[in-house]
Amino acid sequence: MAGITRFEDIEAWKTARQLTNAVYDHTNQQGFSRDFGLPVNSPAVFLP
């Protein structure tokens, strides 16, 4: 039985990587980013 020697061997990581790439590809299209005005350069957390 082969063990996991690298995190890249984990199936969940591989699937998450594919999902991340698909989301990035779709949101990187000109129409999507223009229509939704994604705040790419703004911070994720608002600190008053």
C-alpha atoms as a PDB file:
ATOM      1  CA  MET A   1       0.000   0.000   0.000  1.00  0.00           C
ATOM      2  CA  ALA A   2       1.467   3.317  -1.077  1.00  0.00           C
ATOM      3  CA  GLY A   3       1.336   6.174   1.363  1.00  0.00           C
ATOM      4  CA  ILE A   4       1.122   9.868   0.716  1.00  0.00           C
ATOM      5  CA  THR A   5       4.576  11.338   0.395  1.00  0.00           C
ATOM      6  CA  ARG A   6       3.574  14.741  -0.991  1.00  0.00           C
ATOM      7  CA  PHE A   7       0.440  16.816  -0.610  1.00  0.00           C
ATOM      8  CA  GLU A   8       0.096  16.747  -4.404  1.00  0.00           C
ATOM      9  CA  ASP A   9      -0.702  13.020  -4.081  1.00  0.00           C
ATOM     10  CA  ILE A  10      -3.968  13.721  -2.218  1.00  0.00           C
ATOM     11  CA  GLU A  11      -6.995  13.349  -4.517  1.00  0.00           C
ATOM     12  CA  ALA A  12      -8.879  16.147  -2.751  1.00  0.00           C
ATOM     13  CA  TRP A  13      -5.962  18.503  -3.421  1.00  0.00           C
ATOM     14  CA  LYS A  14      -5.925  17.564  -7.112  1.00  0.00           C
ATOM     15  CA  THR A  15      -9.669  18.168  -7.407  1.00  0.00           C
ATOM     16  CA  ALA A  16      -9.446  21.481  -5.553  1.00  0.00           C
ATOM     17  CA  ARG A  17      -6.624  22.565  -7.853  1.00  0.00           C
ATOM     18  CA  GLN A  18      -8.735  21.795 -10.930  1.00  0.00           C
ATOM     19  CA  LEU A  19     -11.689  23.693  -9.468  1.00  0.00           C
ATOM     20  CA  THR A  20      -9.487  26.676  -8.627  1.00  0.00           C
ATOM     21  CA  ASN A  21      -8.116  26.770 -12.155  1.00  0.00           C
ATOM     22  CA  ALA A  22     -11.620  26.534 -13.659  1.00  0.00           C
ATOM     23  CA  VAL A  23     -12.924  29.372 -11.474  1.00  0.00           C
ATOM     24  CA  TYR A  24      -9.897  31.505 -12.331  1.00  0.00           C
ATOM     25  CA  ASP A  25     -10.344  30.846 -16.056  1.00  0.00           C
ATOM     26  CA  HIS A  26     -14.033  31.813 -15.953  1.00  0.00           C
ATOM     27  CA  THR A  27     -13.598  34.919 -13.804  1.00  0.00           C
ATOM     28  CA  ASN A  28     -10.615  36.080 -15.822  1.00  0.00           C
ATOM     29  CA  GLN A  29     -12.791  36.555 -18.906  1.00  0.00           C
ATOM     30  CA  GLN A  30     -13.353  40.185 -19.803  1.00  0.00           C
ATOM     31  CA  GLY A  31     -17.153  40.075 -19.652  1.00  0.00           C
ATOM     32  CA  PHE A  32     -17.316  38.525 -16.200  1.00  0.00           C
ATOM     33  CA  SER A  33     -14.923  40.892 -14.476  1.00  0.00           C
ATOM     34  CA  ARG A  34     -16.542  43.898 -16.175  1.00  0.00           C
ATOM     35  CA  ASP A  35     -20.108  42.868 -15.323  1.00  0.00           C
ATOM     36  CA  PHE A  36     -19.498  42.071 -11.691  1.00  0.00           C
ATOM     37  CA  GLY A  37     -16.748  44.579 -10.939  1.00  0.00           C
ATOM     38  CA  LEU A  38     -14.661  42.134  -8.947  1.00  0.00           C
ATOM     39  CA  PRO A  39     -12.533  43.982  -6.378  1.00  0.00           C
ATOM     40  CA  VAL A  40      -9.296  42.205  -7.243  1.00  0.00           C
ATOM     41  CA  ASN A  41      -7.006  44.732  -5.584  1.00  0.00           C
ATOM     42  CA  SER A  42      -9.077  45.420  -2.465  1.00  0.00           C
ATOM     43  CA  PRO A  43      -8.440  43.692   0.864  1.00  0.00           C
ATOM     44  CA  ALA A  44     -10.539  40.672   1.753  1.00  0.00           C
ATOM     45  CA  VAL A  45     -11.172  41.961   5.276  1.00  0.00           C
ATOM     46  CA  PHE A  46     -12.279  45.462   6.169  1.00  0.00           C
ATOM     47  CA  LEU A  47     -10.366  46.888   9.103  1.00  0.00           C
ATOM     48  CA  PRO A  48     -11.919  50.093  10.523  1.00  0.00           C
END
